[in-house]
Amino acid sequence: MQKSTIFIIMLAVLTVGVLGKVFAYDYLTQGWANIFAAEQQTQTQDYKPYIKSQQLAQTSQDTVAQDQSQTAQGTTQAETPAQDAKLTEIQKLLEDIKLNTEKLTPEQLTSVGFKSAKITPVTFEGRVFQIVDVSDILNAHSGEFNITDGKNIFAVVAEMQFQTQLEAQDVFNLVKTRIKGMPGVSINESNTFGDGSYFMNDSKRIGSAFLVVRIKNTVYFYTYPKTNNTFIKNLIILLNQ
């Protein structure tokens, strides 16, 4: 073989080797770069949804916490009126337990003519007008009160409250019967106050008036100086409202 031919063959092999290295370098550098870029893109695509899901989860937790807080506030707000209503109901019950005379205010007493007066409870001994025994009447809610300015007693009011008007009427009549059977006293039928009324006249206490009045399911017994008759009339009208 001629030397020129051998030289050409060696040159061709060398050229092919160089070109192969060049192509291999380009492929490797560009190929790895592309793979790295693809991994970055994949990681980025995977990362963003993860952050988003965390945000959604946090937002969901915040929403739940806010809803729970609002629910708790709503429950508190809902319970507060209920508690207030319950307290009001208890206060009303306690107020209803009081006898009507006990509920009178100084302003009301002033309006009927008793200036600077107030209601002062006293022990009810089971007698009205000091001489008529009613201690055997057990179905009554009873009390006795002075209308006083602290120095003077303007009137003494005994009150017997019953469940029904029929019971009150029975006691109203019973006291009348007992008075009629006592010496030194008599009945003056007036029937001008409330749902029925009468006076007891006491020959030993001519300066005082003794008045029995039934208003609905309550029987009142008023003891007062006759000079206060107008004020008592006004007081009966007030209690009858």
Protein backbone atom coordinates (compact mmCIF):
# COMPACT_ATOMS: atom_id res chain seq x y z
CA MET A 1 0.00 0.00 0.00
CA GLN A 2 1.26 3.40 -0.83
CA LYS A 3 2.25 5.78 1.94
CA SER A 4 -0.20 8.44 0.72
CA THR A 5 -3.04 6.04 1.07
CA ILE A 6 -2.04 5.11 4.61
CA PHE A 7 -1.77 8.77 5.54
CA ILE A 8 -5.26 9.52 4.20
CA ILE A 9 -6.76 6.63 6.16
CA MET A 10 -5.08 7.75 9.39
CA LEU A 11 -6.24 11.32 8.83
CA ALA A 12 -9.81 10.16 8.29
CA VAL A 13 -9.75 8.07 11.52
CA LEU A 14 -8.32 10.99 13.44
CA THR A 15 -10.95 13.33 12.06
CA VAL A 16 -13.77 10.96 12.97
CA GLY A 17 -12.40 10.64 16.51
CA VAL A 18 -12.21 14.39 17.01
CA LEU A 19 -15.71 14.95 15.65
CA GLY A 20 -17.01 12.16 17.90
CA LYS A 21 -15.48 13.78 20.97
CA VAL A 22 -16.97 17.12 20.01
CA PHE A 23 -20.44 15.63 19.52
CA ALA A 24 -20.15 13.59 22.71
CA TYR A 25 -19.17 16.69 24.72
CA ASP A 26 -22.02 18.72 23.31
CA TYR A 27 -24.52 15.98 24.08
CA LEU A 28 -23.28 15.38 27.56
CA THR A 29 -23.15 19.05 28.52
CA GLN A 30 -26.44 19.97 26.93
CA GLY A 31 -28.13 16.71 27.93
CA TRP A 32 -27.30 16.98 31.66
CA ALA A 33 -28.20 20.60 31.59
CA ASN A 34 -31.58 19.74 30.15
CA ILE A 35 -32.11 16.98 32.71
CA PHE A 36 -31.21 19.38 35.55
CA ALA A 37 -33.54 21.96 34.15
CA ALA A 38 -36.27 19.33 33.88
CA GLU A 39 -35.70 18.32 37.52
CA GLN A 40 -35.92 21.94 38.57
CA GLN A 41 -39.13 22.34 36.61
CA THR A 42 -40.52 19.15 38.11
CA GLN A 43 -39.55 20.22 41.61
CA THR A 44 -41.02 23.65 41.04
CA GLN A 45 -44.27 22.20 39.75
CA ASP A 46 -44.39 19.79 42.70
CA TYR A 47 -43.43 22.47 45.24
CA LYS A 48 -46.02 25.08 44.35
CA PRO A 49 -49.01 22.78 44.84
CA TYR A 50 -47.55 21.71 48.19
CA ILE A 51 -47.32 25.31 49.36
CA LYS A 52 -50.80 25.93 48.02
CA SER A 53 -52.17 22.93 49.86
CA GLN A 54 -50.52 24.16 53.05
CA GLN A 55 -52.09 27.56 52.56
CA LEU A 56 -55.43 25.95 51.89
CA ALA A 57 -55.06 23.79 54.98
CA GLN A 58 -54.06 26.79 57.09
CA THR A 59 -56.90 28.84 55.61
CA SER A 60 -59.27 25.98 56.37
CA GLN A 61 -57.99 25.79 59.95
CA ASP A 62 -58.33 29.55 60.33
CA THR A 63 -61.85 29.38 58.91
CA VAL A 64 -62.76 26.57 61.30
CA ALA A 65 -61.24 28.47 64.24
CA GLN A 66 -63.09 31.61 63.21
CA ASP A 67 -66.34 29.70 62.81
CA GLN A 68 -65.84 28.09 66.21
CA SER A 69 -65.12 31.49 67.73
CA GLN A 70 -68.21 32.97 66.11
CA THR A 71 -70.22 29.96 67.22
CA ALA A 72 -68.94 30.37 70.77
CA GLN A 73 -69.77 34.06 70.66
CA GLY A 74 -73.17 33.27 69.23
CA THR A 75 -73.73 30.70 71.96
CA THR A 76 -72.70 33.22 74.60
CA GLN A 77 -74.95 35.83 73.06
CA ALA A 78 -77.75 33.30 72.86
CA GLU A 79 -77.23 32.22 76.46
CA THR A 80 -77.06 35.73 77.87
CA PRO A 81 -80.67 36.68 76.99
CA ALA A 82 -81.75 33.25 78.27
CA GLN A 83 -79.96 33.83 81.55
CA ASP A 84 -81.38 37.34 81.77
CA ALA A 85 -84.83 35.96 81.08
CA LYS A 86 -84.35 33.37 83.80
CA LEU A 87 -83.23 36.01 86.30
CA THR A 88 -86.17 38.18 85.33
CA GLU A 89 -88.48 35.23 85.83
CA ILE A 90 -87.01 34.59 89.29
CA GLN A 91 -87.31 38.25 90.21
CA LYS A 92 -90.90 38.27 89.01
CA LEU A 93 -91.62 35.14 91.04
CA LEU A 94 -90.16 36.74 94.16
CA GLU A 95 -92.16 39.88 93.47
CA ASP A 96 -95.35 37.84 93.03
CA ILE A 97 -94.75 36.15 96.38
CA LYS A 98 -94.96 39.54 98.07
CA LEU A 99 -98.32 40.66 99.33
CA ASN A 100 -99.91 43.58 97.49
CA THR A 101 -99.53 45.95 100.45
CA GLU A 102 -95.83 45.12 100.67
CA LYS A 103 -95.35 46.22 97.05
CA LEU A 104 -96.58 49.76 97.69
CA THR A 105 -93.87 52.38 97.15
CA PRO A 106 -93.40 55.67 99.05
CA GLU A 107 -94.34 57.49 95.84
CA GLN A 108 -97.65 55.63 95.68
CA LEU A 109 -98.33 56.35 99.33
CA THR A 110 -97.63 60.04 98.72
CA SER A 111 -100.01 60.01 95.75
CA VAL A 112 -102.89 58.82 97.94
CA GLY A 113 -102.15 61.39 100.68
CA PHE A 114 -99.66 59.75 103.07
CA LYS A 115 -96.66 62.09 102.77
CA SER A 116 -93.17 60.83 103.68
CA ALA A 117 -94.72 57.44 104.48
CA LYS A 118 -93.46 53.92 103.85
CA ILE A 119 -94.60 50.37 104.36
CA THR A 120 -93.09 48.65 107.42
CA PRO A 121 -93.81 44.93 107.92
CA VAL A 122 -94.74 43.82 111.43
CA THR A 123 -95.38 40.38 112.88
CA PHE A 124 -98.82 39.05 112.03
CA GLU A 125 -100.18 37.49 115.22
CA GLY A 126 -103.14 35.74 113.61
CA ARG A 127 -105.64 38.39 114.74
CA VAL A 128 -107.28 41.26 112.87
CA PHE A 129 -108.34 44.47 114.60
CA GLN A 130 -106.55 42.90 117.62
CA ILE A 131 -109.65 40.98 118.65
CA VAL A 132 -110.78 38.72 115.75
CA ASP A 133 -108.92 35.42 115.68
CA VAL A 134 -108.06 34.13 112.19
CA SER A 135 -105.11 31.92 113.16
CA ASP A 136 -107.08 28.81 112.22
CA ILE A 137 -107.24 29.88 108.56
CA LEU A 138 -104.32 27.94 107.12
CA ASN A 139 -104.79 28.35 103.37
CA ALA A 140 -103.87 32.04 103.34
CA HIS A 141 -100.68 33.94 102.62
CA SER A 142 -100.90 36.58 105.34
CA GLY A 143 -99.03 39.63 106.57
CA GLU A 144 -99.41 42.85 108.53
CA PHE A 145 -97.95 46.26 107.74
CA ASN A 146 -97.76 49.74 109.21
CA ILE A 147 -98.07 52.80 107.01
CA THR A 148 -95.75 55.16 108.85
CA ASP A 149 -93.40 58.10 108.49
CA GLY A 150 -91.18 56.71 111.23
CA LYS A 151 -92.87 58.69 113.99
CA ASN A 152 -96.58 58.35 113.35
CA ILE A 153 -98.60 55.32 112.27
CA PHE A 154 -101.21 56.43 109.75
CA ALA A 155 -102.78 53.02 109.28
CA VAL A 156 -102.34 49.32 110.01
CA VAL A 157 -103.10 46.93 107.15
CA ALA A 158 -103.49 43.17 107.54
CA GLU A 159 -103.69 41.21 104.29
CA MET A 160 -104.80 37.64 103.62
CA GLN A 161 -104.25 36.35 100.11
CA PHE A 162 -105.83 33.15 98.74
CA GLN A 163 -105.58 30.98 95.66
CA THR A 164 -109.13 31.70 94.55
CA GLN A 165 -111.72 34.41 94.91
CA LEU A 166 -114.13 31.88 96.39
CA GLU A 167 -111.75 31.20 99.29
CA ALA A 168 -111.35 34.95 99.84
CA GLN A 169 -115.13 35.41 99.85
CA ASP A 170 -115.55 32.59 102.40
CA VAL A 171 -113.06 34.23 104.79
CA PHE A 172 -114.64 37.64 104.16
CA ASN A 173 -117.96 36.18 105.34
CA LEU A 174 -116.39 34.14 108.15
CA VAL A 175 -114.80 37.20 109.77
CA LYS A 176 -118.12 39.01 109.53
CA THR A 177 -119.83 36.14 111.34
CA ARG A 178 -117.20 36.11 114.08
CA ILE A 179 -117.51 39.86 114.62
CA LYS A 180 -121.27 39.59 114.96
CA GLY A 181 -120.83 37.07 117.77
CA MET A 182 -118.56 39.31 119.85
CA PRO A 183 -119.75 41.72 122.58
CA GLY A 184 -119.23 45.46 122.22
CA VAL A 185 -118.82 45.39 118.44
CA SER A 186 -121.17 45.46 115.47
CA ILE A 187 -121.17 45.38 111.67
CA ASN A 188 -121.86 48.38 109.49
CA GLU A 189 -122.60 47.08 105.99
CA SER A 190 -121.10 49.49 103.48
CA ASN A 191 -120.24 47.35 100.44
CA THR A 192 -118.79 50.41 98.71
CA PHE A 193 -115.15 49.36 98.36
CA GLY A 194 -113.54 46.77 96.11
CA ASP A 195 -115.61 43.64 95.47
CA GLY A 196 -117.23 43.90 98.88
CA SER A 197 -116.69 45.69 102.19
CA TYR A 198 -118.02 46.34 105.68
CA PHE A 199 -116.96 48.24 108.81
CA MET A 200 -116.58 46.88 112.29
CA ASN A 201 -117.79 49.37 114.92
CA ASP A 202 -116.04 49.15 118.30
CA SER A 203 -117.70 51.03 121.11
CA LYS A 204 -114.41 51.19 123.05
CA ARG A 205 -112.41 52.68 120.16
CA ILE A 206 -114.76 55.23 118.63
CA GLY A 207 -111.93 57.31 117.12
CA SER A 208 -110.70 54.46 114.94
CA ALA A 209 -112.16 52.87 111.84
CA PHE A 210 -112.01 49.12 111.18
CA LEU A 211 -112.64 48.28 107.56
CA VAL A 212 -112.75 44.87 105.81
CA VAL A 213 -112.40 44.88 102.01
CA ARG A 214 -112.22 42.03 99.52
CA ILE A 215 -110.48 42.69 96.20
CA LYS A 216 -110.43 39.60 93.98
CA ASN A 217 -108.63 36.84 95.91
CA THR A 218 -107.40 39.08 98.75
CA VAL A 219 -109.03 40.29 101.96
CA TYR A 220 -107.70 43.50 103.55
CA PHE A 221 -108.25 44.66 107.12
CA TYR A 222 -107.62 48.39 107.67
CA THR A 223 -107.26 49.99 111.09
CA TYR A 224 -106.84 53.77 111.00
CA PRO A 225 -107.92 57.06 112.57
CA LYS A 226 -111.22 58.13 111.06
CA THR A 227 -109.56 61.38 110.02
CA ASN A 228 -107.57 59.39 107.41
CA ASN A 229 -110.69 57.99 105.78
CA THR A 230 -110.10 59.81 102.46
CA PHE A 231 -106.53 58.52 102.21
CA ILE A 232 -107.70 54.95 102.81
CA LYS A 233 -110.33 55.31 100.09
CA ASN A 234 -107.60 56.38 97.67
CA LEU A 235 -105.38 53.50 98.82
CA ILE A 236 -108.17 50.98 98.18
CA ILE A 237 -108.64 52.39 94.67
CA LEU A 238 -104.89 52.03 94.09
CA LEU A 239 -104.87 48.40 95.23
CA ASN A 240 -107.92 47.67 93.09
CA GLN A 241 -106.17 48.74 89.87
